[in-house]
Amino acid sequence: MSGKLAVVGGGGGFIGGHLVAKLLSEGFRVRCVDIKSQDQWYQVHADAENVVGDLKDKQTCLEACDGVDEVYQLAADMGGMGFIENNKALCMLSVLTTTHMLMAAKEKGVDKFFYSSSACVYNADKQTDAAVTALVEADAYPAMPEDGYGWEKLFSERMCRHFREDFGLHTRIARFHNVYGPEGTWEGGREKAPAAICRKVIQAKLTGDHNIEIWGDGEQTRSFMYIDDCLNGINKITHSDILEPLNLGSSELVSINQLVDIVEGFADIKLNRNYKLDAPKGVRGRNSDNTLIQQYLGWEPSITLLDGMRKTYDWILGEYQAKYGNKPAVVSA
């Protein structure tokens, strides 16, 4: 891959920052583009070309794709369930980013285009039971995705498909299932469940207030994929011959209560659980069926939740102590 140029849209974000590091390690030249100022990026890699720019703007996309061999389109307005449910219009506006990146990639003759979709595209009627049947790729239709964010992702998937069919652009799509790990958001309202629970348990232990607020009744279920598995999956899917969207997620299903159990084990503490039943909580159950990715690629995410959460907890503990010490912190619920 030496000498090839890749652009990572949303490269200042959690997954994007890790992806830039991986591409650099593989010999790519990397152009990292993100709307946030660089002091807000999760990771800044000195060996990359780091650009602050709004990819909703077509001209910015054309400049980003100039001379590029591979595009990794991760840029989107998103966050945890609290953000998604309360910012539907902002999430929908991300369609401009993918539209203009596809147009720019076509115009600039880009070789490969990867699009990061989401399990939020799946029909809500398939996710009403905590003992959920794992979602297969065909479950995206008939369409009833997560309002706002899910609809934008599903529509953008169709655009990628039609740019491939009509213009010959090599587009590949992965539907991410709850990616987590170090170097991500852990407070402020956009954090996802693994990071939020780590922060809450750490805060409870360090401050002596042994209570934890859990959104919903804690019996809702999910699978969570560690960042290293996500990066390996992106690479395999981008460079494959698979035309259809593929699930990219762990098939290890857990309840939120079980996730809290795991983190309490790291902290060697048991907390009083207070359930906020009116909080945003998303679908009742969601898991990844990995039949197709195993069939096509002979691979699936395999890092256990226990191993991935241990690394994530240790990182968040260090970040929390560096920012707050052992004192109570005023942070988002």
Protein backbone atom coordinates (compact mmCIF):
# COMPACT_ATOMS: atom_id res chain seq x y z
CA MET A 1 0.00 0.00 0.00
CA SER A 2 3.05 2.25 0.17
CA GLY A 3 2.40 5.58 -1.55
CA LYS A 4 -1.39 5.26 -1.78
CA LEU A 5 -3.37 8.23 -0.45
CA ALA A 6 -6.43 7.64 1.72
CA VAL A 7 -8.81 10.29 3.03
CA VAL A 8 -10.66 9.69 6.29
CA GLY A 9 -13.79 11.81 6.58
CA GLY A 10 -14.47 12.35 10.27
CA GLY A 11 -10.87 11.47 11.05
CA GLY A 12 -10.93 13.58 14.21
CA GLY A 13 -13.59 11.33 15.70
CA PHE A 14 -13.25 8.20 17.81
CA ILE A 15 -13.25 5.53 15.08
CA GLY A 16 -11.67 7.90 12.57
CA GLY A 17 -8.68 8.63 14.79
CA HIS A 18 -7.98 4.93 15.25
CA LEU A 19 -8.44 4.31 11.52
CA VAL A 20 -5.94 7.04 10.60
CA ALA A 21 -3.36 5.39 12.88
CA LYS A 22 -3.98 1.99 11.29
CA LEU A 23 -3.72 3.29 7.73
CA LEU A 24 -0.48 5.10 8.53
CA SER A 25 0.93 1.90 10.02
CA GLU A 26 0.08 0.08 6.79
CA GLY A 27 2.05 2.54 4.66
CA PHE A 28 -0.74 4.78 3.41
CA ARG A 29 -0.40 8.51 3.13
CA VAL A 30 -3.45 9.83 4.96
CA ARG A 31 -5.49 12.99 4.65
CA CYS A 32 -7.57 13.41 7.80
CA VAL A 33 -10.56 15.77 7.48
CA ASP A 34 -12.88 16.82 10.31
CA ILE A 35 -15.17 19.78 10.98
CA LYS A 36 -13.93 20.23 14.56
CA SER A 37 -10.90 22.31 15.43
CA GLN A 38 -7.87 20.09 15.98
CA ASP A 39 -7.82 20.71 19.73
CA GLN A 40 -11.16 18.83 19.78
CA TRP A 41 -9.94 15.83 17.80
CA TYR A 42 -9.65 12.59 19.75
CA GLN A 43 -6.28 11.88 18.17
CA VAL A 44 -4.01 14.05 16.03
CA HIS A 45 -1.38 12.15 14.04
CA ALA A 46 1.62 14.22 13.03
CA ASP A 47 2.35 11.97 10.05
CA ALA A 48 -1.08 12.65 8.50
CA GLU A 49 -2.21 15.66 6.50
CA ASN A 50 -4.68 17.13 9.00
CA VAL A 51 -7.41 19.35 7.57
CA VAL A 52 -10.20 21.22 9.34
CA GLY A 53 -13.14 21.36 6.96
CA ASP A 54 -16.88 20.87 6.67
CA LEU A 55 -17.58 17.90 4.41
CA LYS A 56 -21.22 18.94 4.02
CA ASP A 57 -19.73 21.46 1.56
CA LYS A 58 -19.13 20.00 -1.92
CA GLN A 59 -16.02 22.09 -2.65
CA THR A 60 -14.41 20.88 0.57
CA CYS A 61 -15.16 17.30 -0.53
CA LEU A 62 -13.59 17.89 -3.94
CA GLU A 63 -10.44 19.22 -2.29
CA ALA A 64 -10.44 16.32 0.17
CA CYS A 65 -10.69 13.72 -2.63
CA ASP A 66 -8.07 15.28 -4.92
CA GLY A 67 -5.44 12.67 -5.80
CA VAL A 68 -6.99 10.14 -3.41
CA ASP A 69 -6.99 6.37 -3.96
CA GLU A 70 -9.34 5.36 -1.14
CA VAL A 71 -12.10 7.21 0.75
CA TYR A 72 -13.27 6.22 4.22
CA GLN A 73 -16.49 8.16 4.85
CA LEU A 74 -17.08 8.13 8.60
CA ALA A 75 -18.07 11.78 9.03
CA ALA A 76 -21.50 12.19 10.64
CA ASP A 77 -23.29 14.05 13.41
CA MET A 78 -23.98 11.33 15.96
CA GLY A 79 -23.55 10.18 19.53
CA GLY A 80 -25.19 7.97 22.10
CA MET A 81 -28.93 7.32 22.30
CA GLY A 82 -29.56 10.53 24.22
CA PHE A 83 -28.04 12.58 21.40
CA ILE A 84 -29.67 10.59 18.57
CA GLU A 85 -33.19 10.82 20.00
CA ASN A 86 -32.93 14.57 20.67
CA ASN A 87 -31.10 15.72 17.51
CA LYS A 88 -32.89 14.04 14.61
CA ALA A 89 -32.52 16.96 12.20
CA LEU A 90 -28.78 17.27 12.85
CA CYS A 91 -28.38 13.54 12.23
CA MET A 92 -30.33 13.78 8.96
CA LEU A 93 -28.11 16.61 7.72
CA SER A 94 -25.22 14.14 7.54
CA VAL A 95 -26.75 13.02 4.24
CA LEU A 96 -25.13 16.10 2.69
CA THR A 97 -21.69 14.85 3.72
CA THR A 98 -22.08 11.43 2.13
CA THR A 99 -23.78 12.87 -0.98
CA HIS A 100 -20.97 15.32 -1.64
CA MET A 101 -18.22 12.82 -0.81
CA LEU A 102 -19.71 10.37 -3.31
CA MET A 103 -19.94 13.08 -5.96
CA ALA A 104 -16.36 14.16 -5.29
CA ALA A 105 -15.05 10.58 -5.31
CA LYS A 106 -16.71 9.99 -8.70
CA GLU A 107 -15.37 13.24 -10.14
CA LYS A 108 -11.83 12.66 -8.84
CA GLY A 109 -11.63 9.02 -9.97
CA VAL A 110 -11.28 7.49 -6.51
CA ASP A 111 -10.56 3.75 -6.58
CA LYS A 112 -12.38 2.61 -3.41
CA PHE A 113 -15.09 4.19 -1.24
CA PHE A 114 -15.97 2.81 2.21
CA TYR A 115 -19.14 3.99 3.95
CA SER A 116 -19.80 3.47 7.66
CA SER A 117 -23.46 2.67 8.13
CA SER A 118 -25.13 1.55 11.34
CA ALA A 119 -27.30 -1.14 12.89
CA CYS A 120 -29.78 1.72 13.40
CA VAL A 121 -30.95 1.04 9.82
CA TYR A 122 -32.75 -2.13 10.93
CA ASN A 123 -36.53 -2.43 11.11
CA ALA A 124 -37.68 -1.50 14.62
CA ASP A 125 -40.31 -4.26 14.59
CA LYS A 126 -37.44 -6.79 14.64
CA GLN A 127 -36.05 -5.30 17.88
CA THR A 128 -38.92 -5.27 20.36
CA ASP A 129 -37.74 -8.16 22.59
CA ALA A 130 -34.68 -8.22 24.85
CA ALA A 131 -34.23 -11.87 23.81
CA VAL A 132 -33.81 -10.63 20.25
CA THR A 133 -33.18 -12.81 17.24
CA ALA A 134 -29.88 -11.60 15.78
CA LEU A 135 -30.39 -9.21 12.89
CA VAL A 136 -29.54 -10.43 9.40
CA GLU A 137 -28.75 -7.95 6.65
CA ALA A 138 -32.13 -8.47 4.96
CA ASP A 139 -33.90 -7.18 8.09
CA ALA A 140 -33.30 -3.59 6.94
CA TYR A 141 -36.34 -3.98 4.68
CA PRO A 142 -39.22 -3.26 4.71
CA ALA A 143 -37.76 -0.04 6.05
CA MET A 144 -38.53 1.19 9.55
CA PRO A 145 -35.14 2.38 10.86
CA GLU A 146 -34.25 4.52 13.88
CA ASP A 147 -35.91 7.87 13.31
CA GLY A 148 -33.52 10.53 12.05
CA TYR A 149 -30.10 8.89 12.30
CA GLY A 150 -31.23 5.48 11.00
CA TRP A 151 -33.12 6.92 8.05
CA GLU A 152 -30.09 8.97 7.02
CA LYS A 153 -27.86 5.91 7.16
CA LEU A 154 -30.27 3.77 5.14
CA PHE A 155 -30.71 6.45 2.49
CA SER A 156 -26.93 6.91 2.23
CA GLU A 157 -26.51 3.16 1.78
CA ARG A 158 -28.80 3.37 -1.24
CA MET A 159 -26.79 6.25 -2.67
CA CYS A 160 -23.60 4.19 -2.36
CA ARG A 161 -25.32 1.33 -4.14
CA HIS A 162 -26.52 3.49 -7.01
CA PHE A 163 -23.17 5.27 -7.43
CA ARG A 164 -21.69 1.80 -7.83
CA GLU A 165 -24.38 0.63 -10.27
CA ASP A 166 -24.64 3.83 -12.32
CA PHE A 167 -21.07 5.14 -12.24
CA GLY A 168 -18.89 2.13 -11.41
CA LEU A 169 -17.61 3.57 -8.12
CA HIS A 170 -16.22 0.79 -5.89
CA THR A 171 -18.45 1.35 -2.84
CA ARG A 172 -18.43 -0.94 0.19
CA ILE A 173 -20.69 -0.66 3.26
CA ALA A 174 -20.44 -1.92 6.84
CA ARG A 175 -23.24 -1.65 9.38
CA PHE A 176 -21.48 -0.90 12.67
CA HIS A 177 -22.89 -2.38 15.87
CA ASN A 178 -21.94 -0.26 18.93
CA VAL A 179 -18.21 0.35 18.58
CA TYR A 180 -16.34 1.15 21.81
CA GLY A 181 -12.80 1.41 23.17
CA PRO A 182 -10.17 3.86 24.42
CA GLU A 183 -9.69 7.36 22.97
CA GLY A 184 -13.44 7.94 22.73
CA THR A 185 -16.15 10.11 24.28
CA TRP A 186 -16.78 9.27 27.92
CA GLU A 187 -18.75 12.30 29.17
CA GLY A 188 -20.71 15.26 27.87
CA GLY A 189 -23.82 13.62 26.40
CA ARG A 190 -22.55 11.94 23.22
CA GLU A 191 -20.94 8.96 24.94
CA LYS A 192 -22.36 5.48 24.39
CA ALA A 193 -23.32 2.91 27.01
CA PRO A 194 -19.91 1.23 27.59
CA ALA A 195 -18.14 4.53 28.23
CA ALA A 196 -21.02 6.05 30.19
CA ILE A 197 -21.19 3.04 32.51
CA CYS A 198 -17.42 3.06 33.03
CA ARG A 199 -17.55 6.74 33.96
CA LYS A 200 -20.49 6.30 36.32
CA VAL A 201 -18.89 3.36 38.14
CA ILE A 202 -15.56 5.18 38.43
CA GLN A 203 -17.26 8.31 39.75
CA ALA A 204 -19.26 6.29 42.28
CA LYS A 205 -16.14 4.57 43.59
CA LEU A 206 -13.88 7.60 43.72
CA THR A 207 -16.45 9.90 45.32
CA GLY A 208 -17.96 7.40 47.75
CA ASP A 209 -21.48 7.93 46.38
CA HIS A 210 -22.31 4.30 45.68
CA ASN A 211 -25.32 4.91 43.45
CA ILE A 212 -25.61 4.56 39.69
CA GLU A 213 -28.34 5.77 37.35
CA ILE A 214 -29.18 3.37 34.54
CA TRP A 215 -31.29 4.45 31.57
CA GLY A 216 -34.28 2.14 31.14
CA ASP A 217 -34.80 -0.98 33.23
CA GLY A 218 -31.37 -2.41 32.41
CA GLU A 219 -32.81 -5.46 30.68
CA GLN A 220 -32.45 -4.02 27.16
CA THR A 221 -29.82 -5.97 25.21
CA ARG A 222 -27.04 -5.09 22.81
CA SER A 223 -23.79 -6.39 21.37
CA PHE A 224 -20.67 -4.22 21.59
CA MET A 225 -17.65 -4.37 19.24
CA TYR A 226 -14.16 -3.40 20.36
CA ILE A 227 -12.38 -0.86 18.15
CA ASP A 228 -9.63 -3.23 16.96
CA ASP A 229 -12.23 -5.62 15.52
CA CYS A 230 -13.92 -2.67 13.83
CA LEU A 231 -10.69 -1.58 12.13
CA ASN A 232 -9.94 -5.09 10.89
CA GLY A 233 -13.46 -5.38 9.53
CA ILE A 234 -13.23 -2.05 7.70
CA ASN A 235 -10.06 -3.18 5.98
CA LYS A 236 -11.46 -6.57 4.98
CA ILE A 237 -14.76 -5.19 3.68
CA THR A 238 -13.19 -2.27 1.77
CA HIS A 239 -10.86 -4.57 -0.12
CA SER A 240 -13.40 -7.35 -0.73
CA ASP A 241 -15.67 -8.14 -3.67
CA ILE A 242 -18.79 -7.98 -1.46
CA LEU A 243 -21.35 -5.60 -2.94
CA GLU A 244 -24.06 -5.69 -0.28
CA PRO A 245 -23.95 -4.04 3.16
CA LEU A 246 -22.50 -6.32 5.84
CA ASN A 247 -23.00 -6.42 9.58
CA LEU A 248 -19.83 -5.46 11.40
CA GLY A 249 -20.37 -6.25 15.04
CA SER A 250 -19.85 -8.73 17.82
CA SER A 251 -22.49 -11.42 18.29
CA GLU A 252 -21.90 -11.50 22.09
CA LEU A 253 -25.29 -10.34 23.41
CA VAL A 254 -25.52 -8.77 26.89
CA SER A 255 -28.05 -6.77 28.85
CA ILE A 256 -27.18 -3.33 30.19
CA ASN A 257 -27.40 -4.80 33.69
CA GLN A 258 -24.81 -7.41 32.72
CA LEU A 259 -22.59 -4.66 31.32
CA VAL A 260 -22.81 -2.86 34.68
CA ASP A 261 -21.91 -6.15 36.42
CA ILE A 262 -18.73 -6.38 34.33
CA VAL A 263 -17.62 -2.83 35.13
CA GLU A 264 -18.44 -3.20 38.82
CA GLY A 265 -16.16 -6.23 38.78
CA PHE A 266 -13.28 -4.10 37.49
CA ALA A 267 -13.88 -1.56 40.24
CA ASP A 268 -14.46 -4.24 42.90
CA ILE A 269 -17.66 -2.54 44.02
CA LYS A 270 -21.43 -3.12 44.10
CA LEU A 271 -23.63 -0.10 43.54
CA ASN A 272 -27.24 0.77 44.25
CA ARG A 273 -28.98 0.86 40.89
CA ASN A 274 -31.52 3.57 40.16
CA TYR A 275 -33.44 3.02 36.92
CA LYS A 276 -34.49 6.08 34.92
CA LEU A 277 -37.38 4.60 33.00
CA ASP A 278 -38.20 7.76 31.02
CA ALA A 279 -34.65 8.19 29.65
CA PRO A 280 -33.81 7.55 25.97
CA LYS A 281 -33.05 3.86 25.59
CA GLY A 282 -33.55 2.92 21.94
CA VAL A 283 -34.82 -0.47 20.81
CA ARG A 284 -35.44 -3.28 23.30
CA GLY A 285 -32.89 -5.69 21.86
CA ARG A 286 -30.28 -5.69 19.07
CA ASN A 287 -27.63 -8.21 18.09
CA SER A 288 -25.50 -8.88 15.02
CA ASP A 289 -26.01 -12.00 12.93
CA ASN A 290 -22.55 -12.69 11.49
CA THR A 291 -23.46 -15.47 9.06
CA LEU A 292 -22.76 -13.42 5.95
CA ILE A 293 -19.44 -11.93 7.05
CA GLN A 294 -18.26 -15.40 8.05
CA GLN A 295 -19.44 -16.80 4.73
CA TYR A 296 -17.86 -14.08 2.60
CA LEU A 297 -14.70 -13.25 4.55
CA GLY A 298 -14.12 -16.27 6.82
CA TRP A 299 -13.90 -13.85 9.75
CA GLU A 300 -15.98 -12.09 12.39
CA PRO A 301 -15.24 -9.81 15.36
CA SER A 302 -13.86 -11.97 18.16
CA ILE A 303 -12.47 -9.74 20.94
CA THR A 304 -14.51 -10.58 24.03
CA LEU A 305 -16.52 -7.94 25.85
CA LEU A 306 -14.59 -8.67 29.04
CA ASP A 307 -11.22 -8.03 27.37
CA GLY A 308 -12.36 -4.94 25.49
CA MET A 309 -14.15 -3.40 28.45
CA ARG A 310 -11.11 -3.94 30.69
CA LYS A 311 -8.98 -1.84 28.33
CA THR A 312 -11.70 0.77 27.99
CA TYR A 313 -12.26 1.02 31.75
CA ASP A 314 -8.55 1.44 32.46
CA TRP A 315 -8.28 4.24 29.89
CA ILE A 316 -11.36 6.09 31.17
CA LEU A 317 -10.12 5.72 34.76
CA GLY A 318 -6.89 7.46 33.78
CA GLU A 319 -8.76 10.21 31.93
CA TYR A 320 -11.19 10.75 34.82
CA GLN A 321 -8.43 10.97 37.43
CA ALA A 322 -6.39 13.31 35.24
CA LYS A 323 -9.38 15.66 34.91
CA TYR A 324 -11.15 15.36 38.25
CA GLY A 325 -8.88 13.54 40.69
CA ASN A 326 -11.01 11.84 43.33
CA LYS A 327 -13.45 14.72 43.69
CA PRO A 328 -17.11 14.68 42.59
CA ALA A 329 -17.50 15.82 39.00
CA VAL A 330 -20.45 17.60 37.42
CA VAL A 331 -20.95 15.45 34.34
CA SER A 332 -23.78 14.39 32.08
CA ALA A 333 -26.10 11.64 33.30
